[in-house]
Each structure stands twice: as structure tokens, then as C-alpha cells.
Amino acid sequence: MSVIERLATPWQRRRVEVREGLVFRARVQNGMLETARVLAVVADPMGISHVSYELTIERSEALRYDYRRTLNLESFIDRYQEPVGAA
């Protein structure tokens, strides 16, 4: 691993492609499953990329919540590390 690779943050090393239509999952401590469907990736006026996504939280078949959220790209990649595919 080169010096540049060692200095890169984990999300830069993973090189996860995040684009409209892709779906990612995260399993959280309390047994819930979060599924994020990317709606858009856009940069703000400062050049920071943000991901708008539709979030579904499932604990069981009977307990499900749907939200719309936005996170900066780095935070999104840190949280949703399991790519599922396109919706």
C-alpha cells in the first residue's frame, strides 16, 4: 500500500460508486435493517457532494418506516456499506 493510500480515508479507499437508482443496506445494532435507495447525488455550493435517498427501516414484517434523507457522500458511504443493486 502506497503512502497516499495509507493517508486516504476509508471511504476513499473503498471507491464505492454511489449514483441515482442504486440501493445500499446497513444492519444496525438493534436488529433493524436500513435500506437506502439513492435518489440523487449533488454537490452543494461549497463543492461537497450530498446523497438524497429514500430510507426504509425494517425491524420485522409488521414494523416498517419510510423516510427521505440527505447525508454528505462520506457519511453515506460510511453507513451504507452493503450494495444491493438498482431498484
PDB file of N, CA and C in Angstrom:
ATOM      1  N   MET A   1       0.863  -1.185   0.000  1.00  0.00           N
ATOM      2  CA  MET A   1       0.000   0.000   0.000  1.00  0.00           C
ATOM      3  C   MET A   1       0.901   1.237   0.000  1.00  0.00           C
ATOM      4  N   SER A   2       0.626   2.170  -0.891  1.00  0.00           N
ATOM      5  CA  SER A   2       1.442   3.372  -1.001  1.00  0.00           C
ATOM      6  C   SER A   2       1.133   4.352   0.135  1.00  0.00           C
ATOM      7  N   VAL A   3       1.983   5.351   0.277  1.00  0.00           N
ATOM      8  CA  VAL A   3       1.776   6.376   1.299  1.00  0.00           C
ATOM      9  C   VAL A   3       0.449   7.086   1.075  1.00  0.00           C
ATOM     10  N   ILE A   4       0.128   7.400  -0.165  1.00  0.00           N
ATOM     11  CA  ILE A   4      -1.125   8.088  -0.479  1.00  0.00           C
ATOM     12  C   ILE A   4      -2.311   7.218  -0.088  1.00  0.00           C
ATOM     13  N   GLU A   5      -2.239   5.909  -0.372  1.00  0.00           N
ATOM     14  CA  GLU A   5      -3.333   5.011   0.005  1.00  0.00           C
ATOM     15  C   GLU A   5      -3.498   4.929   1.522  1.00  0.00           C
ATOM     16  N   ARG A   6      -2.374   4.961   2.261  1.00  0.00           N
ATOM     17  CA  ARG A   6      -2.468   4.919   3.724  1.00  0.00           C
ATOM     18  C   ARG A   6      -3.053   6.198   4.294  1.00  0.00           C
ATOM     19  N   LEU A   7      -2.830   7.328   3.631  1.00  0.00           N
ATOM     20  CA  LEU A   7      -3.352   8.607   4.115  1.00  0.00           C
ATOM     21  C   LEU A   7      -4.811   8.810   3.732  1.00  0.00           C
ATOM     22  N   ALA A   8      -5.279   8.088   2.754  1.00  0.00           N
ATOM     23  CA  ALA A   8      -6.668   8.235   2.302  1.00  0.00           C
ATOM     24  C   ALA A   8      -7.615   7.736   3.382  1.00  0.00           C
ATOM     25  N   THR A   9      -8.764   8.376   3.471  1.00  0.00           N
ATOM     26  CA  THR A   9      -9.777   7.932   4.421  1.00  0.00           C
ATOM     27  C   THR A   9     -10.354   6.606   3.939  1.00  0.00           C
ATOM     28  N   PRO A  10     -10.970   5.831   4.842  1.00  0.00           N
ATOM     29  CA  PRO A  10     -11.515   4.526   4.428  1.00  0.00           C
ATOM     30  C   PRO A  10     -12.486   4.618   3.249  1.00  0.00           C
ATOM     31  N   TRP A  11     -13.344   5.641   3.208  1.00  0.00           N
ATOM     32  CA  TRP A  11     -14.320   5.729   2.117  1.00  0.00           C
ATOM     33  C   TRP A  11     -13.650   6.018   0.790  1.00  0.00           C
ATOM     34  N   GLN A  12     -12.491   6.708   0.821  1.00  0.00           N
ATOM     35  CA  GLN A  12     -11.780   6.959  -0.426  1.00  0.00           C
ATOM     36  C   GLN A  12     -11.141   5.672  -0.940  1.00  0.00           C
ATOM     37  N   ARG A  13     -10.679   4.815  -0.040  1.00  0.00           N
ATOM     38  CA  ARG A  13     -10.055   3.556  -0.446  1.00  0.00           C
ATOM     39  C   ARG A  13     -11.084   2.585  -1.019  1.00  0.00           C
ATOM     40  N   ARG A  14     -12.298   2.595  -0.491  1.00  0.00           N
ATOM     41  CA  ARG A  14     -13.320   1.650  -0.941  1.00  0.00           C
ATOM     42  C   ARG A  14     -13.797   1.932  -2.354  1.00  0.00           C
ATOM     43  N   ARG A  15     -13.790   3.163  -2.755  1.00  0.00           N
ATOM     44  CA  ARG A  15     -14.212   3.572  -4.089  1.00  0.00           C
ATOM     45  C   ARG A  15     -15.604   3.033  -4.443  1.00  0.00           C
ATOM     46  N   VAL A  16     -16.518   3.178  -3.529  1.00  0.00           N
ATOM     47  CA  VAL A  16     -17.893   2.749  -3.758  1.00  0.00           C
ATOM     48  C   VAL A  16     -18.558   3.739  -4.689  1.00  0.00           C
ATOM     49  N   GLU A  17     -19.185   3.226  -5.722  1.00  0.00           N
ATOM     50  CA  GLU A  17     -19.920   4.098  -6.639  1.00  0.00           C
ATOM     51  C   GLU A  17     -21.309   4.336  -6.052  1.00  0.00           C
ATOM     52  N   VAL A  18     -21.638   5.597  -5.893  1.00  0.00           N
ATOM     53  CA  VAL A  18     -22.969   5.969  -5.402  1.00  0.00           C
ATOM     54  C   VAL A  18     -23.600   6.835  -6.485  1.00  0.00           C
ATOM     55  N   ARG A  19     -24.691   6.327  -7.052  1.00  0.00           N
ATOM     56  CA  ARG A  19     -25.385   7.097  -8.092  1.00  0.00           C
ATOM     57  C   ARG A  19     -26.880   6.798  -8.009  1.00  0.00           C
ATOM     58  N   GLU A  20     -27.637   7.636  -8.672  1.00  0.00           N
ATOM     59  CA  GLU A  20     -29.095   7.532  -8.656  1.00  0.00           C
ATOM     60  C   GLU A  20     -29.557   6.124  -9.026  1.00  0.00           C
ATOM     61  N   GLY A  21     -30.486   5.591  -8.231  1.00  0.00           N
ATOM     62  CA  GLY A  21     -31.068   4.291  -8.510  1.00  0.00           C
ATOM     63  C   GLY A  21     -30.418   3.133  -7.782  1.00  0.00           C
ATOM     64  N   LEU A  22     -29.176   3.312  -7.289  1.00  0.00           N
ATOM     65  CA  LEU A  22     -28.527   2.225  -6.575  1.00  0.00           C
ATOM     66  C   LEU A  22     -29.125   2.075  -5.180  1.00  0.00           C
ATOM     67  N   VAL A  23     -29.030   0.860  -4.634  1.00  0.00           N
ATOM     68  CA  VAL A  23     -29.597   0.551  -3.329  1.00  0.00           C
ATOM     69  C   VAL A  23     -28.495  -0.004  -2.429  1.00  0.00           C
ATOM     70  N   PHE A  24     -28.481   0.456  -1.180  1.00  0.00           N
ATOM     71  CA  PHE A  24     -27.495   0.022  -0.198  1.00  0.00           C
ATOM     72  C   PHE A  24     -28.211  -0.367   1.089  1.00  0.00           C
ATOM     73  N   ARG A  25     -27.557  -1.219   1.884  1.00  0.00           N
ATOM     74  CA  ARG A  25     -28.146  -1.633   3.160  1.00  0.00           C
ATOM     75  C   ARG A  25     -27.160  -1.438   4.289  1.00  0.00           C
ATOM     76  N   ALA A  26     -27.729  -1.283   5.488  1.00  0.00           N
ATOM     77  CA  ALA A  26     -26.951  -1.250   6.725  1.00  0.00           C
ATOM     78  C   ALA A  26     -27.733  -2.014   7.770  1.00  0.00           C
ATOM     79  N   ARG A  27     -27.041  -2.860   8.499  1.00  0.00           N
ATOM     80  CA  ARG A  27     -27.662  -3.574   9.613  1.00  0.00           C
ATOM     81  C   ARG A  27     -27.204  -2.877  10.884  1.00  0.00           C
ATOM     82  N   VAL A  28     -28.167  -2.444  11.684  1.00  0.00           N
ATOM     83  CA  VAL A  28     -27.837  -1.704  12.895  1.00  0.00           C
ATOM     84  C   VAL A  28     -27.980  -2.601  14.110  1.00  0.00           C
ATOM     85  N   GLN A  29     -27.369  -2.167  15.228  1.00  0.00           N
ATOM     86  CA  GLN A  29     -27.263  -2.959  16.446  1.00  0.00           C
ATOM     87  C   GLN A  29     -28.548  -3.633  16.891  1.00  0.00           C
ATOM     88  N   ASN A  30     -29.621  -2.924  16.901  1.00  0.00           N
ATOM     89  CA  ASN A  30     -30.857  -3.416  17.492  1.00  0.00           C
ATOM     90  C   ASN A  30     -31.637  -4.366  16.585  1.00  0.00           C
ATOM     91  N   GLY A  31     -30.977  -4.916  15.579  1.00  0.00           N
ATOM     92  CA  GLY A  31     -31.619  -5.891  14.709  1.00  0.00           C
ATOM     93  C   GLY A  31     -32.404  -5.293  13.560  1.00  0.00           C
ATOM     94  N   MET A  32     -32.370  -3.982  13.422  1.00  0.00           N
ATOM     95  CA  MET A  32     -33.095  -3.355  12.315  1.00  0.00           C
ATOM     96  C   MET A  32     -32.244  -3.362  11.053  1.00  0.00           C
ATOM     97  N   LEU A  33     -32.933  -3.373   9.934  1.00  0.00           N
ATOM     98  CA  LEU A  33     -32.296  -3.311   8.629  1.00  0.00           C
ATOM     99  C   LEU A  33     -32.679  -1.989   7.981  1.00  0.00           C
ATOM    100  N   GLU A  34     -31.669  -1.219   7.563  1.00  0.00           N
ATOM    101  CA  GLU A  34     -31.911   0.038   6.856  1.00  0.00           C
ATOM    102  C   GLU A  34     -31.583  -0.175   5.387  1.00  0.00           C
ATOM    103  N   THR A  35     -32.496   0.209   4.515  1.00  0.00           N
ATOM    104  CA  THR A  35     -32.278   0.126   3.076  1.00  0.00           C
ATOM    105  C   THR A  35     -32.384   1.530   2.504  1.00  0.00           C
ATOM    106  N   ALA A  36     -31.350   1.954   1.783  1.00  0.00           N
ATOM    107  CA  ALA A  36     -31.302   3.305   1.213  1.00  0.00           C
ATOM    108  C   ALA A  36     -31.292   3.225  -0.304  1.00  0.00           C
ATOM    109  N   ARG A  37     -32.298   3.833  -0.948  1.00  0.00           N
ATOM    110  CA  ARG A  37     -32.348   3.915  -2.412  1.00  0.00           C
ATOM    111  C   ARG A  37     -31.959   5.331  -2.801  1.00  0.00           C
ATOM    112  N   VAL A  38     -30.869   5.465  -3.537  1.00  0.00           N
ATOM    113  CA  VAL A  38     -30.324   6.773  -3.891  1.00  0.00           C
ATOM    114  C   VAL A  38     -31.246   7.470  -4.896  1.00  0.00           C
ATOM    115  N   LEU A  39     -31.661   8.679  -4.530  1.00  0.00           N
ATOM    116  CA  LEU A  39     -32.498   9.495  -5.412  1.00  0.00           C
ATOM    117  C   LEU A  39     -31.652  10.441  -6.248  1.00  0.00           C
ATOM    118  N   ALA A  40     -30.580  10.990  -5.650  1.00  0.00           N
ATOM    119  CA  ALA A  40     -29.705  11.931  -6.368  1.00  0.00           C
ATOM    120  C   ALA A  40     -28.409  12.122  -5.591  1.00  0.00           C
ATOM    121  N   VAL A  41     -27.353  12.455  -6.319  1.00  0.00           N
ATOM    122  CA  VAL A  41     -26.073  12.845  -5.720  1.00  0.00           C
ATOM    123  C   VAL A  41     -25.731  14.197  -6.325  1.00  0.00           C
ATOM    124  N   VAL A  42     -25.679  15.224  -5.489  1.00  0.00           N
ATOM    125  CA  VAL A  42     -25.415  16.576  -5.976  1.00  0.00           C
ATOM    126  C   VAL A  42     -24.415  17.280  -5.066  1.00  0.00           C
ATOM    127  N   ALA A  43     -23.671  18.196  -5.644  1.00  0.00           N
ATOM    128  CA  ALA A  43     -22.714  18.989  -4.877  1.00  0.00           C
ATOM    129  C   ALA A  43     -23.373  20.291  -4.434  1.00  0.00           C
ATOM    130  N   ASP A  44     -23.072  20.707  -3.211  1.00  0.00           N
ATOM    131  CA  ASP A  44     -23.590  21.982  -2.723  1.00  0.00           C
ATOM    132  C   ASP A  44     -22.689  23.111  -3.239  1.00  0.00           C
ATOM    133  N   PRO A  45     -23.001  24.384  -2.937  1.00  0.00           N
ATOM    134  CA  PRO A  45     -22.183  25.499  -3.439  1.00  0.00           C
ATOM    135  C   PRO A  45     -20.714  25.445  -3.010  1.00  0.00           C
ATOM    136  N   MET A  46     -20.414  24.710  -1.929  1.00  0.00           N
ATOM    137  CA  MET A  46     -19.028  24.572  -1.471  1.00  0.00           C
ATOM    138  C   MET A  46     -18.321  23.399  -2.152  1.00  0.00           C
ATOM    139  N   GLY A  47     -19.025  22.672  -3.011  1.00  0.00           N
ATOM    140  CA  GLY A  47     -18.433  21.543  -3.716  1.00  0.00           C
ATOM    141  C   GLY A  47     -18.510  20.223  -2.952  1.00  0.00           C
ATOM    142  N   ILE A  48     -19.235  20.183  -1.841  1.00  0.00           N
ATOM    143  CA  ILE A  48     -19.378  18.963  -1.047  1.00  0.00           C
ATOM    144  C   ILE A  48     -20.542  18.150  -1.609  1.00  0.00           C
ATOM    145  N   SER A  49     -20.277  16.908  -1.941  1.00  0.00           N
ATOM    146  CA  SER A  49     -21.324  16.048  -2.501  1.00  0.00           C
ATOM    147  C   SER A  49     -22.256  15.539  -1.412  1.00  0.00           C
ATOM    148  N   HIS A  50     -23.551  15.550  -1.723  1.00  0.00           N
ATOM    149  CA  HIS A  50     -24.578  15.060  -0.812  1.00  0.00           C
ATOM    150  C   HIS A  50     -25.443  14.034  -1.534  1.00  0.00           C
ATOM    151  N   VAL A  51     -25.895  13.048  -0.776  1.00  0.00           N
ATOM    152  CA  VAL A  51     -26.741  11.984  -1.307  1.00  0.00           C
ATOM    153  C   VAL A  51     -28.146  12.167  -0.759  1.00  0.00           C
ATOM    154  N   SER A  52     -29.114  12.320  -1.635  1.00  0.00           N
ATOM    155  CA  SER A  52     -30.524  12.313  -1.239  1.00  0.00           C
ATOM    156  C   SER A  52     -31.011  10.891  -1.467  1.00  0.00           C
ATOM    157  N   TYR A  53     -31.678  10.353  -0.456  1.00  0.00           N
ATOM    158  CA  TYR A  53     -32.088   8.962  -0.572  1.00  0.00           C
ATOM    159  C   TYR A  53     -33.384   8.696   0.167  1.00  0.00           C
ATOM    160  N   GLU A  54     -34.026   7.632  -0.250  1.00  0.00           N
ATOM    161  CA  GLU A  54     -35.242   7.160   0.390  1.00  0.00           C
ATOM    162  C   GLU A  54     -34.816   6.039   1.337  1.00  0.00           C
ATOM    163  N   LEU A  55     -35.130   6.188   2.603  1.00  0.00           N
ATOM    164  CA  LEU A  55     -34.695   5.252   3.628  1.00  0.00           C
ATOM    165  C   LEU A  55     -35.872   4.423   4.114  1.00  0.00           C
ATOM    166  N   THR A  56     -35.691   3.119   4.115  1.00  0.00           N
ATOM    167  CA  THR A  56     -36.684   2.208   4.679  1.00  0.00           C
ATOM    168  C   THR A  56     -36.035   1.505   5.858  1.00  0.00           C
ATOM    169  N   ILE A  57     -36.693   1.572   7.013  1.00  0.00           N
ATOM    170  CA  ILE A  57     -36.202   0.913   8.221  1.00  0.00           C
ATOM    171  C   ILE A  57     -37.170  -0.216   8.550  1.00  0.00           C
ATOM    172  N   GLU A  58     -36.623  -1.428   8.664  1.00  0.00           N
ATOM    173  CA  GLU A  58     -37.456  -2.595   8.952  1.00  0.00           C
ATOM    174  C   GLU A  58     -36.932  -3.319  10.185  1.00  0.00           C
ATOM    175  N   ARG A  59     -37.817  -3.603  11.096  1.00  0.00           N
ATOM    176  CA  ARG A  59     -37.459  -4.433  12.248  1.00  0.00           C
ATOM    177  C   ARG A  59     -38.107  -5.810  12.104  1.00  0.00           C
ATOM    178  N   SER A  60     -39.278  -5.836  11.561  1.00  0.00           N
ATOM    179  CA  SER A  60     -39.987  -7.077  11.269  1.00  0.00           C
ATOM    180  C   SER A  60     -40.927  -6.770  10.102  1.00  0.00           C
ATOM    181  N   GLU A  61     -41.638  -7.772   9.658  1.00  0.00           N
ATOM    182  CA  GLU A  61     -42.576  -7.527   8.554  1.00  0.00           C
ATOM    183  C   GLU A  61     -43.668  -6.546   8.964  1.00  0.00           C
ATOM    184  N   ALA A  62     -43.970  -6.519  10.255  1.00  0.00           N
ATOM    185  CA  ALA A  62     -45.056  -5.656  10.735  1.00  0.00           C
ATOM    186  C   ALA A  62     -44.587  -4.237  11.055  1.00  0.00           C
ATOM    187  N   LEU A  63     -43.287  -4.028  11.196  1.00  0.00           N
ATOM    188  CA  LEU A  63     -42.771  -2.726  11.601  1.00  0.00           C
ATOM    189  C   LEU A  63     -41.842  -2.188  10.522  1.00  0.00           C
ATOM    190  N   ARG A  64     -42.329  -1.192   9.790  1.00  0.00           N
ATOM    191  CA  ARG A  64     -41.565  -0.631   8.678  1.00  0.00           C
ATOM    192  C   ARG A  64     -41.830   0.869   8.601  1.00  0.00           C
ATOM    193  N   TYR A  65     -40.764   1.647   8.400  1.00  0.00           N
ATOM    194  CA  TYR A  65     -40.870   3.101   8.281  1.00  0.00           C
ATOM    195  C   TYR A  65     -40.162   3.547   7.012  1.00  0.00           C
ATOM    196  N   ASP A  66     -40.711   4.532   6.335  1.00  0.00           N
ATOM    197  CA  ASP A  66     -40.097   5.104   5.135  1.00  0.00           C
ATOM    198  C   ASP A  66     -39.838   6.590   5.363  1.00  0.00           C
ATOM    199  N   TYR A  67     -38.650   7.044   4.989  1.00  0.00           N
ATOM    200  CA  TYR A  67     -38.246   8.436   5.148  1.00  0.00           C
ATOM    201  C   TYR A  67     -37.498   8.889   3.907  1.00  0.00           C
ATOM    202  N   ARG A  68     -37.353  10.197   3.762  1.00  0.00           N
ATOM    203  CA  ARG A  68     -36.424  10.779   2.779  1.00  0.00           C
ATOM    204  C   ARG A  68     -35.360  11.512   3.586  1.00  0.00           C
ATOM    205  N   ARG A  69     -34.112  11.271   3.246  1.00  0.00           N
ATOM    206  CA  ARG A  69     -32.998  11.849   3.988  1.00  0.00           C
ATOM    207  C   ARG A  69     -31.926  12.350   3.031  1.00  0.00           C
ATOM    208  N   THR A  70     -31.006  13.143   3.592  1.00  0.00           N
ATOM    209  CA  THR A  70     -29.827  13.604   2.861  1.00  0.00           C
ATOM    210  C   THR A  70     -28.627  13.507   3.790  1.00  0.00           C
ATOM    211  N   LEU A  71     -27.539  12.963   3.281  1.00  0.00           N
ATOM    212  CA  LEU A  71     -26.268  12.888   4.004  1.00  0.00           C
ATOM    213  C   LEU A  71     -25.153  13.313   3.061  1.00  0.00           C
ATOM    214  N   ASN A  72     -24.039  13.794   3.626  1.00  0.00           N
ATOM    215  CA  ASN A  72     -22.907  14.048   2.746  1.00  0.00           C
ATOM    216  C   ASN A  72     -22.385  12.687   2.271  1.00  0.00           C
ATOM    217  N   LEU A  73     -21.734  12.670   1.148  1.00  0.00           N
ATOM    218  CA  LEU A  73     -21.324  11.433   0.492  1.00  0.00           C
ATOM    219  C   LEU A  73     -20.468  10.562   1.414  1.00  0.00           C
ATOM    220  N   GLU A  74     -19.517  11.155   2.113  1.00  0.00           N
ATOM    221  CA  GLU A  74     -18.629  10.401   3.002  1.00  0.00           C
ATOM    222  C   GLU A  74     -19.431   9.679   4.093  1.00  0.00           C
ATOM    223  N   SER A  75     -20.356  10.374   4.721  1.00  0.00           N
ATOM    224  CA  SER A  75     -21.169   9.772   5.777  1.00  0.00           C
ATOM    225  C   SER A  75     -22.069   8.667   5.224  1.00  0.00           C
ATOM    226  N   PHE A  76     -22.616   8.879   4.043  1.00  0.00           N
ATOM    227  CA  PHE A  76     -23.468   7.872   3.413  1.00  0.00           C
ATOM    228  C   PHE A  76     -22.677   6.583   3.178  1.00  0.00           C
ATOM    229  N   ILE A  77     -21.486   6.711   2.620  1.00  0.00           N
ATOM    230  CA  ILE A  77     -20.662   5.531   2.325  1.00  0.00           C
ATOM    231  C   ILE A  77     -20.235   4.835   3.615  1.00  0.00           C
ATOM    232  N   ASP A  78     -19.925   5.604   4.659  1.00  0.00           N
ATOM    233  CA  ASP A  78     -19.560   5.000   5.937  1.00  0.00           C
ATOM    234  C   ASP A  78     -20.709   4.190   6.526  1.00  0.00           C
ATOM    235  N   ARG A  79     -21.927   4.670   6.366  1.00  0.00           N
ATOM    236  CA  ARG A  79     -23.093   3.996   6.972  1.00  0.00           C
ATOM    237  C   ARG A  79     -23.610   2.839   6.118  1.00  0.00           C
ATOM    238  N   TYR A  80     -23.744   3.055   4.830  1.00  0.00           N
ATOM    239  CA  TYR A  80     -24.362   2.059   3.944  1.00  0.00           C
ATOM    240  C   TYR A  80     -23.285   1.367   3.127  1.00  0.00           C
ATOM    241  N   GLN A  81     -22.695   0.332   3.688  1.00  0.00           N
ATOM    242  CA  GLN A  81     -21.554  -0.337   3.070  1.00  0.00           C
ATOM    243  C   GLN A  81     -21.924  -1.589   2.291  1.00  0.00           C
ATOM    244  N   GLU A  82     -23.185  -1.964   2.313  1.00  0.00           N
ATOM    245  CA  GLU A  82     -23.608  -3.195   1.622  1.00  0.00           C
ATOM    246  C   GLU A  82     -24.414  -2.844   0.381  1.00  0.00           C
ATOM    247  N   PRO A  83     -23.748  -2.805  -0.804  1.00  0.00           N
ATOM    248  CA  PRO A  83     -24.503  -2.511  -2.022  1.00  0.00           C
ATOM    249  C   PRO A  83     -25.446  -3.659  -2.348  1.00  0.00           C
ATOM    250  N   VAL A  84     -26.662  -3.327  -2.768  1.00  0.00           N
ATOM    251  CA  VAL A  84     -27.670  -4.332  -3.079  1.00  0.00           C
ATOM    252  C   VAL A  84     -27.928  -4.378  -4.579  1.00  0.00           C
ATOM    253  N   GLY A  85     -27.851  -3.255  -5.241  1.00  0.00           N
ATOM    254  CA  GLY A  85     -28.116  -3.189  -6.671  1.00  0.00           C
ATOM    255  C   GLY A  85     -29.015  -2.016  -6.980  1.00  0.00           C
ATOM    256  N   ALA A  86     -29.679  -2.073  -8.088  1.00  0.00           N
ATOM    257  CA  ALA A  86     -30.570  -0.989  -8.507  1.00  0.00           C
ATOM    258  C   ALA A  86     -32.001  -1.352  -8.167  1.00  0.00           C
ATOM    259  N   ALA A  87     -32.784  -0.302  -7.904  1.00  0.00           N
ATOM    260  CA  ALA A  87     -34.204  -0.519  -7.600  1.00  0.00           C
ATOM    261  C   ALA A  87     -35.008  -0.513  -8.872  1.00  0.00           C
TER     262      ALA A  87
END
